[in-house]
PDB file of N, CA and C in Angstrom:
ATOM      1  N   MET A   1     -16.570   1.427  27.810  1.00  0.00           N
ATOM      2  CA  MET A   1     -16.148   2.699  27.284  1.00  0.00           C
ATOM      3  C   MET A   1     -17.247   3.713  27.568  1.00  0.00           C
ATOM      4  N   LEU A   2     -16.859   4.847  28.040  1.00  0.00           N
ATOM      5  CA  LEU A   2     -17.816   5.906  28.325  1.00  0.00           C
ATOM      6  C   LEU A   2     -18.335   6.528  27.035  1.00  0.00           C
ATOM      7  N   ALA A   3     -19.498   7.141  27.141  1.00  0.00           N
ATOM      8  CA  ALA A   3     -20.143   7.711  25.959  1.00  0.00           C
ATOM      9  C   ALA A   3     -19.296   8.803  25.320  1.00  0.00           C
ATOM     10  N   ASP A   4     -18.670   9.658  26.117  1.00  0.00           N
ATOM     11  CA  ASP A   4     -17.867  10.734  25.533  1.00  0.00           C
ATOM     12  C   ASP A   4     -16.622  10.188  24.832  1.00  0.00           C
ATOM     13  N   GLN A   5     -16.033   9.130  25.366  1.00  0.00           N
ATOM     14  CA  GLN A   5     -14.891   8.505  24.698  1.00  0.00           C
ATOM     15  C   GLN A   5     -15.325   7.843  23.389  1.00  0.00           C
ATOM     16  N   PHE A   6     -16.480   7.221  23.429  1.00  0.00           N
ATOM     17  CA  PHE A   6     -17.005   6.594  22.221  1.00  0.00           C
ATOM     18  C   PHE A   6     -17.239   7.630  21.133  1.00  0.00           C
ATOM     19  N   ILE A   7     -17.796   8.765  21.497  1.00  0.00           N
ATOM     20  CA  ILE A   7     -18.072   9.819  20.519  1.00  0.00           C
ATOM     21  C   ILE A   7     -16.773  10.331  19.904  1.00  0.00           C
ATOM     22  N   ILE A   8     -15.735  10.491  20.715  1.00  0.00           N
ATOM     23  CA  ILE A   8     -14.441  10.958  20.200  1.00  0.00           C
ATOM     24  C   ILE A   8     -13.856   9.948  19.215  1.00  0.00           C
ATOM     25  N   VAL A   9     -13.864   8.678  19.594  1.00  0.00           N
ATOM     26  CA  VAL A   9     -13.313   7.639  18.723  1.00  0.00           C
ATOM     27  C   VAL A   9     -14.137   7.511  17.447  1.00  0.00           C
ATOM     28  N   PHE A  10     -15.447   7.551  17.578  1.00  0.00           N
ATOM     29  CA  PHE A  10     -16.320   7.431  16.411  1.00  0.00           C
ATOM     30  C   PHE A  10     -16.128   8.605  15.463  1.00  0.00           C
ATOM     31  N   THR A  11     -15.986   9.809  15.996  1.00  0.00           N
ATOM     32  CA  THR A  11     -15.761  10.990  15.165  1.00  0.00           C
ATOM     33  C   THR A  11     -14.442  10.876  14.409  1.00  0.00           C
ATOM     34  N   ALA A  12     -13.400  10.443  15.103  1.00  0.00           N
ATOM     35  CA  ALA A  12     -12.106  10.258  14.435  1.00  0.00           C
ATOM     36  C   ALA A  12     -12.202   9.206  13.336  1.00  0.00           C
ATOM     37  N   TYR A  13     -12.948   8.146  13.593  1.00  0.00           N
ATOM     38  CA  TYR A  13     -13.127   7.092  12.590  1.00  0.00           C
ATOM     39  C   TYR A  13     -13.856   7.617  11.358  1.00  0.00           C
ATOM     40  N   VAL A  14     -14.916   8.374  11.565  1.00  0.00           N
ATOM     41  CA  VAL A  14     -15.694   8.904  10.444  1.00  0.00           C
ATOM     42  C   VAL A  14     -14.842   9.849   9.606  1.00  0.00           C
ATOM     43  N   ILE A  15     -14.052  10.689  10.257  1.00  0.00           N
ATOM     44  CA  ILE A  15     -13.184  11.613   9.519  1.00  0.00           C
ATOM     45  C   ILE A  15     -12.146  10.840   8.717  1.00  0.00           C
ATOM     46  N   ALA A  16     -11.528   9.833   9.337  1.00  0.00           N
ATOM     47  CA  ALA A  16     -10.507   9.044   8.640  1.00  0.00           C
ATOM     48  C   ALA A  16     -11.107   8.240   7.491  1.00  0.00           C
ATOM     49  N   ALA A  17     -12.277   7.687   7.695  1.00  0.00           N
ATOM     50  CA  ALA A  17     -12.910   6.882   6.643  1.00  0.00           C
ATOM     51  C   ALA A  17     -13.395   7.749   5.491  1.00  0.00           C
ATOM     52  N   GLY A  18     -13.757   8.979   5.775  1.00  0.00           N
ATOM     53  CA  GLY A  18     -14.277   9.862   4.742  1.00  0.00           C
ATOM     54  C   GLY A  18     -13.219  10.588   3.943  1.00  0.00           C
ATOM     55  N   SER A  19     -11.990  10.598   4.415  1.00  0.00           N
ATOM     56  CA  SER A  19     -10.943  11.322   3.700  1.00  0.00           C
ATOM     57  C   SER A  19     -10.172  10.369   2.788  1.00  0.00           C
ATOM     58  N   PRO A  20      -9.922  10.790   1.567  1.00  0.00           N
ATOM     59  CA  PRO A  20      -9.189   9.911   0.654  1.00  0.00           C
ATOM     60  C   PRO A  20      -7.718   9.826   1.036  1.00  0.00           C
ATOM     61  N   GLY A  21      -7.184   8.656   0.926  1.00  0.00           N
ATOM     62  CA  GLY A  21      -5.773   8.449   1.209  1.00  0.00           C
ATOM     63  C   GLY A  21      -4.932   8.680  -0.038  1.00  0.00           C
ATOM     64  N   PRO A  22      -3.630   8.475   0.059  1.00  0.00           N
ATOM     65  CA  PRO A  22      -2.759   8.705  -1.098  1.00  0.00           C
ATOM     66  C   PRO A  22      -3.073   7.772  -2.269  1.00  0.00           C
ATOM     67  N   SER A  23      -3.528   6.571  -1.978  1.00  0.00           N
ATOM     68  CA  SER A  23      -3.871   5.645  -3.065  1.00  0.00           C
ATOM     69  C   SER A  23      -5.065   6.165  -3.856  1.00  0.00           C
ATOM     70  N   ASN A  24      -6.082   6.610  -3.145  1.00  0.00           N
ATOM     71  CA  ASN A  24      -7.265   7.145  -3.830  1.00  0.00           C
ATOM     72  C   ASN A  24      -6.936   8.418  -4.601  1.00  0.00           C
ATOM     73  N   MET A  25      -6.079   9.239  -4.034  1.00  0.00           N
ATOM     74  CA  MET A  25      -5.686  10.466  -4.726  1.00  0.00           C
ATOM     75  C   MET A  25      -4.935  10.132  -6.016  1.00  0.00           C
ATOM     76  N   ARG A  26      -4.075   9.127  -5.964  1.00  0.00           N
ATOM     77  CA  ARG A  26      -3.327   8.715  -7.158  1.00  0.00           C
ATOM     78  C   ARG A  26      -4.271   8.162  -8.227  1.00  0.00           C
ATOM     79  N   ILE A  27      -5.218   7.355  -7.799  1.00  0.00           N
ATOM     80  CA  ILE A  27      -6.183   6.794  -8.748  1.00  0.00           C
ATOM     81  C   ILE A  27      -6.972   7.914  -9.422  1.00  0.00           C
ATOM     82  N   MET A  28      -7.407   8.903  -8.638  1.00  0.00           N
ATOM     83  CA  MET A  28      -8.157  10.023  -9.217  1.00  0.00           C
ATOM     84  C   MET A  28      -7.297  10.831 -10.182  1.00  0.00           C
ATOM     85  N   ALA A  29      -6.029  11.059  -9.817  1.00  0.00           N
ATOM     86  CA  ALA A  29      -5.145  11.825 -10.696  1.00  0.00           C
ATOM     87  C   ALA A  29      -4.901  11.092 -12.007  1.00  0.00           C
ATOM     88  N   VAL A  30      -4.675   9.794 -11.923  1.00  0.00           N
ATOM     89  CA  VAL A  30      -4.457   9.011 -13.143  1.00  0.00           C
ATOM     90  C   VAL A  30      -5.720   8.993 -13.996  1.00  0.00           C
ATOM     91  N   ALA A  31      -6.877   8.885 -13.359  1.00  0.00           N
ATOM     92  CA  ALA A  31      -8.134   8.878 -14.113  1.00  0.00           C
ATOM     93  C   ALA A  31      -8.334  10.191 -14.860  1.00  0.00           C
ATOM     94  N   MET A  32      -8.003  11.303 -14.216  1.00  0.00           N
ATOM     95  CA  MET A  32      -8.187  12.602 -14.867  1.00  0.00           C
ATOM     96  C   MET A  32      -7.182  12.821 -15.991  1.00  0.00           C
ATOM     97  N   ASN A  33      -5.949  12.359 -15.800  1.00  0.00           N
ATOM     98  CA  ASN A  33      -4.904  12.622 -16.787  1.00  0.00           C
ATOM     99  C   ASN A  33      -4.806  11.561 -17.874  1.00  0.00           C
ATOM    100  N   ASP A  34      -4.959  10.294 -17.504  1.00  0.00           N
ATOM    101  CA  ASP A  34      -4.682   9.208 -18.445  1.00  0.00           C
ATOM    102  C   ASP A  34      -5.897   8.377 -18.820  1.00  0.00           C
ATOM    103  N   GLY A  35      -7.014   8.598 -18.165  1.00  0.00           N
ATOM    104  CA  GLY A  35      -8.224   7.884 -18.540  1.00  0.00           C
ATOM    105  C   GLY A  35      -8.587   6.731 -17.623  1.00  0.00           C
ATOM    106  N   ARG A  36      -9.721   6.152 -17.952  1.00  0.00           N
ATOM    107  CA  ARG A  36     -10.317   5.120 -17.104  1.00  0.00           C
ATOM    108  C   ARG A  36      -9.489   3.836 -17.061  1.00  0.00           C
ATOM    109  N   ARG A  37      -8.983   3.408 -18.205  1.00  0.00           N
ATOM    110  CA  ARG A  37      -8.234   2.151 -18.269  1.00  0.00           C
ATOM    111  C   ARG A  37      -6.991   2.200 -17.370  1.00  0.00           C
ATOM    112  N   ALA A  38      -6.248   3.284 -17.413  1.00  0.00           N
ATOM    113  CA  ALA A  38      -5.054   3.419 -16.576  1.00  0.00           C
ATOM    114  C   ALA A  38      -5.434   3.488 -15.102  1.00  0.00           C
ATOM    115  N   ALA A  39      -6.527   4.173 -14.794  1.00  0.00           N
ATOM    116  CA  ALA A  39      -6.977   4.266 -13.401  1.00  0.00           C
ATOM    117  C   ALA A  39      -7.410   2.906 -12.875  1.00  0.00           C
ATOM    118  N   LEU A  40      -8.059   2.110 -13.716  1.00  0.00           N
ATOM    119  CA  LEU A  40      -8.450   0.765 -13.293  1.00  0.00           C
ATOM    120  C   LEU A  40      -7.231  -0.116 -13.056  1.00  0.00           C
ATOM    121  N   ALA A  41      -6.176   0.076 -13.831  1.00  0.00           N
ATOM    122  CA  ALA A  41      -4.943  -0.682 -13.603  1.00  0.00           C
ATOM    123  C   ALA A  41      -4.327  -0.309 -12.257  1.00  0.00           C
ATOM    124  N   ILE A  42      -4.282   0.981 -11.956  1.00  0.00           N
ATOM    125  CA  ILE A  42      -3.756   1.432 -10.662  1.00  0.00           C
ATOM    126  C   ILE A  42      -4.633   0.907  -9.533  1.00  0.00           C
ATOM    127  N   ALA A  43      -5.936   0.996  -9.697  1.00  0.00           N
ATOM    128  CA  ALA A  43      -6.857   0.536  -8.655  1.00  0.00           C
ATOM    129  C   ALA A  43      -6.720  -0.963  -8.416  1.00  0.00           C
ATOM    130  N   SER A  44      -6.530  -1.736  -9.479  1.00  0.00           N
ATOM    131  CA  SER A  44      -6.363  -3.180  -9.279  1.00  0.00           C
ATOM    132  C   SER A  44      -5.069  -3.479  -8.542  1.00  0.00           C
ATOM    133  N   GLY A  45      -4.031  -2.695  -8.781  1.00  0.00           N
ATOM    134  CA  GLY A  45      -2.788  -2.856  -8.026  1.00  0.00           C
ATOM    135  C   GLY A  45      -2.967  -2.519  -6.560  1.00  0.00           C
ATOM    136  N   VAL A  46      -3.697  -1.451  -6.283  1.00  0.00           N
ATOM    137  CA  VAL A  46      -3.958  -1.060  -4.895  1.00  0.00           C
ATOM    138  C   VAL A  46      -4.770  -2.135  -4.178  1.00  0.00           C
ATOM    139  N   VAL A  47      -5.790  -2.632  -4.847  1.00  0.00           N
ATOM    140  CA  VAL A  47      -6.645  -3.655  -4.239  1.00  0.00           C
ATOM    141  C   VAL A  47      -5.871  -4.947  -4.016  1.00  0.00           C
ATOM    142  N   SER A  48      -5.088  -5.369  -5.003  1.00  0.00           N
ATOM    143  CA  SER A  48      -4.335  -6.615  -4.828  1.00  0.00           C
ATOM    144  C   SER A  48      -3.289  -6.476  -3.731  1.00  0.00           C
ATOM    145  N   GLY A  49      -2.667  -5.315  -3.620  1.00  0.00           N
ATOM    146  CA  GLY A  49      -1.721  -5.088  -2.527  1.00  0.00           C
ATOM    147  C   GLY A  49      -2.400  -5.118  -1.171  1.00  0.00           C
ATOM    148  N   SER A  50      -3.569  -4.520  -1.088  1.00  0.00           N
ATOM    149  CA  SER A  50      -4.313  -4.534   0.173  1.00  0.00           C
ATOM    150  C   SER A  50      -4.744  -5.943   0.548  1.00  0.00           C
ATOM    151  N   ILE A  51      -5.183  -6.703  -0.441  1.00  0.00           N
ATOM    152  CA  ILE A  51      -5.570  -8.091  -0.168  1.00  0.00           C
ATOM    153  C   ILE A  51      -4.362  -8.898   0.279  1.00  0.00           C
ATOM    154  N   PHE A  52      -3.229  -8.705  -0.391  1.00  0.00           N
ATOM    155  CA  PHE A  52      -2.010  -9.432  -0.026  1.00  0.00           C
ATOM    156  C   PHE A  52      -1.625  -9.169   1.421  1.00  0.00           C
ATOM    157  N   TRP A  53      -1.543  -7.885   1.802  1.00  0.00           N
ATOM    158  CA  TRP A  53      -1.126  -7.566   3.166  1.00  0.00           C
ATOM    159  C   TRP A  53      -2.179  -7.976   4.180  1.00  0.00           C
ATOM    160  N   GLY A  54      -3.445  -7.921   3.804  1.00  0.00           N
ATOM    161  CA  GLY A  54      -4.490  -8.411   4.702  1.00  0.00           C
ATOM    162  C   GLY A  54      -4.362  -9.898   4.958  1.00  0.00           C
ATOM    163  N   LEU A  55      -4.099 -10.655   3.899  1.00  0.00           N
ATOM    164  CA  LEU A  55      -3.904 -12.098   4.063  1.00  0.00           C
ATOM    165  C   LEU A  55      -2.657 -12.410   4.881  1.00  0.00           C
ATOM    166  N   MET A  56      -1.591 -11.656   4.639  1.00  0.00           N
ATOM    167  CA  MET A  56      -0.366 -11.878   5.408  1.00  0.00           C
ATOM    168  C   MET A  56      -0.599 -11.616   6.897  1.00  0.00           C
ATOM    169  N   ALA A  57      -1.319 -10.560   7.191  1.00  0.00           N
ATOM    170  CA  ALA A  57      -1.610 -10.252   8.594  1.00  0.00           C
ATOM    171  C   ALA A  57      -2.525 -11.301   9.202  1.00  0.00           C
ATOM    172  N   ALA A  58      -3.507 -11.748   8.422  1.00  0.00           N
ATOM    173  CA  ALA A  58      -4.463 -12.724   8.948  1.00  0.00           C
ATOM    174  C   ALA A  58      -3.826 -14.081   9.186  1.00  0.00           C
ATOM    175  N   THR A  59      -2.853 -14.445   8.387  1.00  0.00           N
ATOM    176  CA  THR A  59      -2.241 -15.763   8.543  1.00  0.00           C
ATOM    177  C   THR A  59      -1.069 -15.771   9.509  1.00  0.00           C
ATOM    178  N   GLY A  60      -0.730 -14.652  10.031  1.00  0.00           N
ATOM    179  CA  GLY A  60       0.316 -14.615  11.048  1.00  0.00           C
ATOM    180  C   GLY A  60       1.726 -14.634  10.511  1.00  0.00           C
ATOM    181  N   VAL A  61       1.916 -14.119   9.306  1.00  0.00           N
ATOM    182  CA  VAL A  61       3.256 -14.098   8.735  1.00  0.00           C
ATOM    183  C   VAL A  61       4.193 -13.246   9.580  1.00  0.00           C
ATOM    184  N   SER A  62       3.665 -12.202  10.175  1.00  0.00           N
ATOM    185  CA  SER A  62       4.522 -11.365  11.017  1.00  0.00           C
ATOM    186  C   SER A  62       5.052 -12.148  12.212  1.00  0.00           C
ATOM    187  N   ALA A  63       4.259 -13.055  12.754  1.00  0.00           N
ATOM    188  CA  ALA A  63       4.735 -13.886  13.865  1.00  0.00           C
ATOM    189  C   ALA A  63       5.855 -14.815  13.405  1.00  0.00           C
ATOM    190  N   ILE A  64       5.712 -15.359  12.216  1.00  0.00           N
ATOM    191  CA  ILE A  64       6.756 -16.235  11.683  1.00  0.00           C
ATOM    192  C   ILE A  64       8.038 -15.448  11.437  1.00  0.00           C
ATOM    193  N   LEU A  65       7.899 -14.259  10.841  1.00  0.00           N
ATOM    194  CA  LEU A  65       9.079 -13.454  10.555  1.00  0.00           C
ATOM    195  C   LEU A  65       9.763 -12.977  11.827  1.00  0.00           C
ATOM    196  N   SER A  66       8.996 -12.707  12.863  1.00  0.00           N
ATOM    197  CA  SER A  66       9.623 -12.283  14.113  1.00  0.00           C
ATOM    198  C   SER A  66      10.307 -13.451  14.812  1.00  0.00           C
ATOM    199  N   ARG A  67       9.823 -14.661  14.573  1.00  0.00           N
ATOM    200  CA  ARG A  67      10.445 -15.841  15.189  1.00  0.00           C
ATOM    201  C   ARG A  67      11.721 -16.245  14.460  1.00  0.00           C
ATOM    202  N   TYR A  68      11.707 -16.155  13.153  1.00  0.00           N
ATOM    203  CA  TYR A  68      12.864 -16.543  12.347  1.00  0.00           C
ATOM    204  C   TYR A  68      13.482 -15.295  11.734  1.00  0.00           C
ATOM    205  N   ALA A  69      14.505 -14.776  12.377  1.00  0.00           N
ATOM    206  CA  ALA A  69      15.113 -13.514  11.961  1.00  0.00           C
ATOM    207  C   ALA A  69      15.741 -13.618  10.576  1.00  0.00           C
ATOM    208  N   GLN A  70      16.246 -14.786  10.215  1.00  0.00           N
ATOM    209  CA  GLN A  70      16.883 -14.936   8.904  1.00  0.00           C
ATOM    210  C   GLN A  70      15.867 -14.768   7.775  1.00  0.00           C
ATOM    211  N   ALA A  71      14.656 -15.220   7.986  1.00  0.00           N
ATOM    212  CA  ALA A  71      13.621 -15.047   6.965  1.00  0.00           C
ATOM    213  C   ALA A  71      13.314 -13.570   6.765  1.00  0.00           C
ATOM    214  N   LEU A  72      13.322 -12.811   7.840  1.00  0.00           N
ATOM    215  CA  LEU A  72      13.079 -11.377   7.731  1.00  0.00           C
ATOM    216  C   LEU A  72      14.210 -10.701   6.967  1.00  0.00           C
ATOM    217  N   VAL A  73      15.440 -11.090   7.243  1.00  0.00           N
ATOM    218  CA  VAL A  73      16.583 -10.508   6.531  1.00  0.00           C
ATOM    219  C   VAL A  73      16.506 -10.837   5.042  1.00  0.00           C
ATOM    220  N   ILE A  74      16.158 -12.071   4.720  1.00  0.00           N
ATOM    221  CA  ILE A  74      16.022 -12.462   3.311  1.00  0.00           C
ATOM    222  C   ILE A  74      14.927 -11.642   2.637  1.00  0.00           C
ATOM    223  N   LEU A  75      13.809 -11.468   3.315  1.00  0.00           N
ATOM    224  CA  LEU A  75      12.714 -10.673   2.761  1.00  0.00           C
ATOM    225  C   LEU A  75      13.135  -9.222   2.560  1.00  0.00           C
ATOM    226  N   GLN A  76      13.899  -8.672   3.496  1.00  0.00           N
ATOM    227  CA  GLN A  76      14.364  -7.296   3.362  1.00  0.00           C
ATOM    228  C   GLN A  76      15.331  -7.147   2.192  1.00  0.00           C
ATOM    229  N   VAL A  77      16.227  -8.108   2.022  1.00  0.00           N
ATOM    230  CA  VAL A  77      17.177  -8.051   0.909  1.00  0.00           C
ATOM    231  C   VAL A  77      16.439  -8.156  -0.422  1.00  0.00           C
ATOM    232  N   LEU A  78      15.491  -9.080  -0.511  1.00  0.00           N
ATOM    233  CA  LEU A  78      14.708  -9.208  -1.743  1.00  0.00           C
ATOM    234  C   LEU A  78      13.915  -7.941  -2.034  1.00  0.00           C
ATOM    235  N   GLY A  79      13.348  -7.338  -1.005  1.00  0.00           N
ATOM    236  CA  GLY A  79      12.630  -6.076  -1.184  1.00  0.00           C
ATOM    237  C   GLY A  79      13.549  -4.962  -1.648  1.00  0.00           C
ATOM    238  N   GLY A  80      14.748  -4.900  -1.081  1.00  0.00           N
ATOM    239  CA  GLY A  80      15.724  -3.900  -1.506  1.00  0.00           C
ATOM    240  C   GLY A  80      16.162  -4.087  -2.947  1.00  0.00           C
ATOM    241  N   LEU A  81      16.375  -5.345  -3.339  1.00  0.00           N
ATOM    242  CA  LEU A  81      16.741  -5.626  -4.731  1.00  0.00           C
ATOM    243  C   LEU A  81      15.620  -5.233  -5.687  1.00  0.00           C
ATOM    244  N   TYR A  82      14.391  -5.471  -5.278  1.00  0.00           N
ATOM    245  CA  TYR A  82      13.257  -5.081  -6.116  1.00  0.00           C
ATOM    246  C   TYR A  82      13.176  -3.558  -6.247  1.00  0.00           C
ATOM    247  N   LEU A  83      13.423  -2.841  -5.156  1.00  0.00           N
ATOM    248  CA  LEU A  83      13.416  -1.377  -5.225  1.00  0.00           C
ATOM    249  C   LEU A  83      14.535  -0.862  -6.126  1.00  0.00           C
ATOM    250  N   LEU A  84      15.702  -1.503  -6.074  1.00  0.00           N
ATOM    251  CA  LEU A  84      16.788  -1.115  -6.976  1.00  0.00           C
ATOM    252  C   LEU A  84      16.412  -1.372  -8.436  1.00  0.00           C
ATOM    253  N   TYR A  85      15.738  -2.478  -8.688  1.00  0.00           N
ATOM    254  CA  TYR A  85      15.263  -2.783 -10.033  1.00  0.00           C
ATOM    255  C   TYR A  85      14.290  -1.706 -10.516  1.00  0.00           C
ATOM    256  N   LEU A  86      13.354  -1.315  -9.650  1.00  0.00           N
ATOM    257  CA  LEU A  86      12.405  -0.263 -10.023  1.00  0.00           C
ATOM    258  C   LEU A  86      13.113   1.066 -10.263  1.00  0.00           C
ATOM    259  N   ALA A  87      14.119   1.383  -9.437  1.00  0.00           N
ATOM    260  CA  ALA A  87      14.876   2.621  -9.619  1.00  0.00           C
ATOM    261  C   ALA A  87      15.637   2.596 -10.941  1.00  0.00           C
ATOM    262  N   PHE A  88      16.211   1.447 -11.273  1.00  0.00           N
ATOM    263  CA  PHE A  88      16.918   1.311 -12.548  1.00  0.00           C
ATOM    264  C   PHE A  88      15.971   1.528 -13.723  1.00  0.00           C
ATOM    265  N   LYS A  89      14.796   0.915 -13.662  1.00  0.00           N
ATOM    266  CA  LYS A  89      13.813   1.086 -14.733  1.00  0.00           C
ATOM    267  C   LYS A  89      13.367   2.539 -14.847  1.00  0.00           C
ATOM    268  N   ALA A  90      13.146   3.201 -13.704  1.00  0.00           N
ATOM    269  CA  ALA A  90      12.717   4.600 -13.730  1.00  0.00           C
ATOM    270  C   ALA A  90      13.817   5.491 -14.296  1.00  0.00           C
ATOM    271  N   GLY A  91      15.058   5.245 -13.890  1.00  0.00           N
ATOM    272  CA  GLY A  91      16.174   6.024 -14.419  1.00  0.00           C
ATOM    273  C   GLY A  91      16.363   5.818 -15.909  1.00  0.00           C
ATOM    274  N   LYS A  92      16.238   4.584 -16.347  1.00  0.00           N
ATOM    275  CA  LYS A  92      16.370   4.267 -17.770  1.00  0.00           C
ATOM    276  C   LYS A  92      15.268   4.947 -18.582  1.00  0.00           C
ATOM    277  N   ALA A  93      14.047   4.941 -18.054  1.00  0.00           N
ATOM    278  CA  ALA A  93      12.936   5.592 -18.745  1.00  0.00           C
ATOM    279  C   ALA A  93      13.121   7.107 -18.784  1.00  0.00           C
ATOM    280  N   ALA A  94      13.653   7.681 -17.706  1.00  0.00           N
ATOM    281  CA  ALA A  94      13.861   9.130 -17.668  1.00  0.00           C
ATOM    282  C   ALA A  94      14.948   9.554 -18.647  1.00  0.00           C
ATOM    283  N   LEU A  95      15.991   8.744 -18.774  1.00  0.00           N
ATOM    284  CA  LEU A  95      17.075   9.096 -19.691  1.00  0.00           C
ATOM    285  C   LEU A  95      16.677   8.921 -21.153  1.00  0.00           C
ATOM    286  N   SER A  96      15.781   7.997 -21.430  1.00  0.00           N
ATOM    287  CA  SER A  96      15.390   7.752 -22.818  1.00  0.00           C
ATOM    288  C   SER A  96      14.373   8.768 -23.338  1.00  0.00           C
ATOM    289  N   SER A  97      13.749   9.518 -22.452  1.00  0.00           N
ATOM    290  CA  SER A  97      12.745  10.485 -22.931  1.00  0.00           C
ATOM    291  C   SER A  97      13.262  11.895 -22.972  1.00  0.00           C
TER     292      SER A  97
END
């Protein structure tokens, strides 16, 4: 890699690493509005999700899912059902308040 290409890539990396993502912004917002305990709960969820997806990528789950299409469909259906469950809970909470 040429030096000028390296500088461009390194600069982009530094900018991306230094800017907070949506997860960090959410953690900061919760900390300011709801306190430290709630922010730590959000942060632990973010960290556990990152660890989960990191482990899945490291163990090659994507290769397995691409090889067995039925497993991917089952995972998508389960994910959709979970999203519907979350939507139901959110709607129920909104109507009760």
